[in-house]
Amino acid sequence: MLEISVWKDPALTRQVVILPDGTFSFPLIGRFTAAGKTVDQIRTEMETAFTRYIPEPDLSVIVQQVNSQVVYVIGKVNRPGHFPLNRNIDVLQALAMAGGLNIFADDRDIRIFRKTSEKAMVIPFDYKAVTEENQLDTNILLQRGDVIVVK
């Protein structure tokens, strides 16, 4: 989600949601592509598009919220769902965000499903090794889009 404002023009100040295809719509300039661009690139390109309507536009583009950085926790946890990945989070922290394992969970059957550009992989997670045997090096750091499945 971006907050875009044109200086001295409150009618052109608004928050926009970037759609899954990487675009958003804005008054006067219509559909605009944001995917793969920095905030400065978006601002510069929008200012160029606005010069047709406003001489020397002065835009401000601010990232308000990042919704694409999430991990998913499903299965036998107390609050399954998607959780923001706004900092480095490991599996144990994600399970805590999901309310912990429920009473029917098999703490020996937890898997992380991860897709990379090269391949998809399944990574086993040993809950007891981390929580009872203090093997903290086996507590996997999560990446965007990871899915934790608790059986």
Protein backbone atom coordinates (compact mmCIF):
# COMPACT_ATOMS: atom_id res chain seq x y z
CA MET A 1 0.00 0.00 0.00
CA LEU A 2 1.36 3.38 -1.02
CA GLU A 3 0.42 6.88 0.05
CA ILE A 4 0.79 9.24 -2.87
CA SER A 5 0.33 12.98 -2.63
CA VAL A 6 0.78 15.84 -5.04
CA TRP A 7 1.95 19.00 -3.27
CA LYS A 8 -0.72 21.74 -3.13
CA ASP A 9 -3.38 19.41 -4.57
CA PRO A 10 -5.35 17.56 -1.85
CA ALA A 11 -7.63 16.01 -4.49
CA LEU A 12 -4.60 14.03 -5.68
CA THR A 13 -3.63 12.68 -2.28
CA ARG A 14 -4.64 9.11 -1.58
CA GLN A 15 -3.62 5.65 -0.53
CA VAL A 16 -3.42 3.04 -3.26
CA VAL A 17 -3.23 -0.72 -3.05
CA ILE A 18 -0.85 -2.46 -5.42
CA LEU A 19 -2.79 -5.22 -7.15
CA PRO A 20 -1.41 -8.76 -7.55
CA ASP A 21 -0.35 -7.91 -11.12
CA GLY A 22 1.88 -5.12 -9.73
CA THR A 23 -0.26 -2.20 -10.91
CA PHE A 24 -2.51 0.46 -9.40
CA SER A 25 -4.79 3.19 -10.72
CA PHE A 26 -4.40 6.89 -10.04
CA PRO A 27 -6.46 9.91 -11.17
CA LEU A 28 -5.34 11.62 -14.37
CA ILE A 29 -2.65 9.08 -15.23
CA GLY A 30 -4.75 5.89 -15.04
CA ARG A 31 -3.15 2.48 -14.65
CA PHE A 32 0.44 2.58 -13.43
CA THR A 33 2.96 -0.26 -12.96
CA ALA A 34 4.80 -0.42 -9.63
CA ALA A 35 6.16 -3.97 -9.72
CA GLY A 36 9.94 -4.15 -9.63
CA LYS A 37 10.39 -0.42 -9.06
CA THR A 38 11.78 1.53 -6.13
CA VAL A 39 9.78 4.30 -4.48
CA ASP A 40 12.01 6.88 -6.17
CA GLN A 41 11.44 5.30 -9.59
CA ILE A 42 7.67 5.33 -9.06
CA ARG A 43 7.75 8.98 -7.98
CA THR A 44 9.89 10.03 -10.94
CA GLU A 45 7.76 8.16 -13.49
CA MET A 46 4.53 9.51 -11.99
CA GLU A 47 5.88 13.07 -12.03
CA THR A 48 6.71 12.62 -15.71
CA ALA A 49 3.19 11.33 -16.39
CA PHE A 50 1.65 14.25 -14.44
CA THR A 51 3.55 16.96 -16.37
CA ARG A 52 0.92 16.60 -19.05
CA TYR A 53 -1.69 17.96 -16.60
CA ILE A 54 0.29 19.79 -13.89
CA PRO A 55 3.38 21.91 -14.59
CA GLU A 56 6.27 20.86 -12.36
CA PRO A 57 4.39 18.40 -10.12
CA ASP A 58 5.95 17.64 -6.76
CA LEU A 59 4.99 14.13 -5.64
CA SER A 60 5.51 12.30 -2.41
CA VAL A 61 5.35 8.49 -2.44
CA ILE A 62 5.47 6.67 0.89
CA VAL A 63 5.18 2.92 1.52
CA GLN A 64 2.43 2.54 4.13
CA GLN A 65 2.21 -1.23 4.36
CA VAL A 66 3.84 -4.30 2.83
CA ASN A 67 1.38 -7.15 2.43
CA SER A 68 3.40 -9.51 0.26
CA GLN A 69 5.88 -10.45 2.97
CA VAL A 70 3.98 -13.23 4.74
CA VAL A 71 4.38 -16.78 5.94
CA TYR A 72 1.55 -19.26 6.39
CA VAL A 73 0.96 -21.62 9.30
CA ILE A 74 -1.65 -24.33 8.76
CA GLY A 75 -2.67 -27.59 10.38
CA LYS A 76 -2.98 -28.37 14.03
CA VAL A 77 -2.19 -25.00 15.56
CA ASN A 78 -4.51 -22.84 17.64
CA ARG A 79 -4.75 -19.93 15.14
CA PRO A 80 -3.80 -21.00 11.61
CA GLY A 81 -3.39 -18.25 9.06
CA HIS A 82 -0.93 -15.92 7.38
CA PHE A 83 1.45 -13.79 9.39
CA PRO A 84 3.55 -10.77 8.41
CA LEU A 85 7.22 -11.31 7.83
CA ASN A 86 8.26 -7.77 8.76
CA ARG A 87 11.50 -8.92 10.40
CA ASN A 88 13.55 -12.12 10.58
CA ILE A 89 11.25 -14.81 11.96
CA ASP A 90 12.08 -18.44 12.63
CA VAL A 91 9.75 -21.44 12.77
CA LEU A 92 9.34 -21.35 16.54
CA GLN A 93 8.34 -17.68 16.43
CA ALA A 94 5.82 -18.33 13.63
CA LEU A 95 4.30 -21.19 15.61
CA ALA A 96 4.00 -18.85 18.61
CA MET A 97 2.25 -16.26 16.41
CA ALA A 98 -0.18 -19.03 15.43
CA GLY A 99 -1.01 -19.65 19.07
CA GLY A 100 1.21 -22.71 19.44
CA LEU A 101 0.50 -26.34 18.69
CA ASN A 102 -2.93 -27.62 19.63
CA ILE A 103 -3.41 -30.78 21.71
CA PHE A 104 -3.81 -32.97 18.61
CA ALA A 105 -0.58 -31.82 16.92
CA ASP A 106 2.25 -34.25 16.25
CA ASP A 107 5.33 -32.25 17.24
CA ARG A 108 7.46 -34.74 15.31
CA ASP A 109 5.66 -34.04 12.01
CA ILE A 110 6.13 -30.36 11.18
CA ARG A 111 7.27 -29.36 7.71
CA ILE A 112 8.16 -26.15 5.95
CA PHE A 113 7.22 -25.94 2.27
CA ARG A 114 9.41 -23.47 0.40
CA LYS A 115 9.42 -22.46 -3.25
CA THR A 116 12.46 -20.85 -4.78
CA SER A 117 12.99 -19.82 -8.38
CA GLU A 118 14.90 -23.07 -8.95
CA LYS A 119 12.77 -25.63 -7.10
CA ALA A 120 10.23 -26.45 -4.43
CA MET A 121 11.40 -28.15 -1.26
CA VAL A 122 10.07 -29.64 1.95
CA ILE A 123 12.13 -29.01 5.08
CA PRO A 124 11.40 -31.08 8.20
CA PHE A 125 11.34 -29.25 11.54
CA ASP A 126 12.13 -31.02 14.82
CA TYR A 127 10.09 -29.14 17.43
CA LYS A 128 11.43 -31.14 20.39
CA ALA A 129 15.06 -30.69 19.32
CA VAL A 130 14.59 -26.92 19.46
CA THR A 131 12.36 -26.65 22.54
CA GLU A 132 13.63 -29.45 24.76
CA GLU A 133 17.16 -30.18 23.58
CA ASN A 134 18.11 -26.53 22.94
CA GLN A 135 19.31 -27.23 19.38
CA LEU A 136 18.64 -23.66 18.34
CA ASP A 137 20.67 -24.00 15.14
CA THR A 138 17.89 -26.26 13.77
CA ASN A 139 15.30 -23.48 14.22
CA ILE A 140 14.90 -22.54 10.55
CA LEU A 141 14.78 -18.89 9.50
CA LEU A 142 11.68 -18.36 7.36
CA GLN A 143 11.46 -16.72 3.96
CA ARG A 144 8.63 -14.93 2.20
CA GLY A 145 5.90 -17.35 1.15
CA ASP A 146 7.00 -20.26 3.35
CA VAL A 147 4.18 -22.55 4.48
CA ILE A 148 4.49 -24.36 7.82
CA VAL A 149 2.32 -27.47 8.05
CA VAL A 150 1.69 -29.03 11.45
CA LYS A 151 0.25 -32.56 11.25
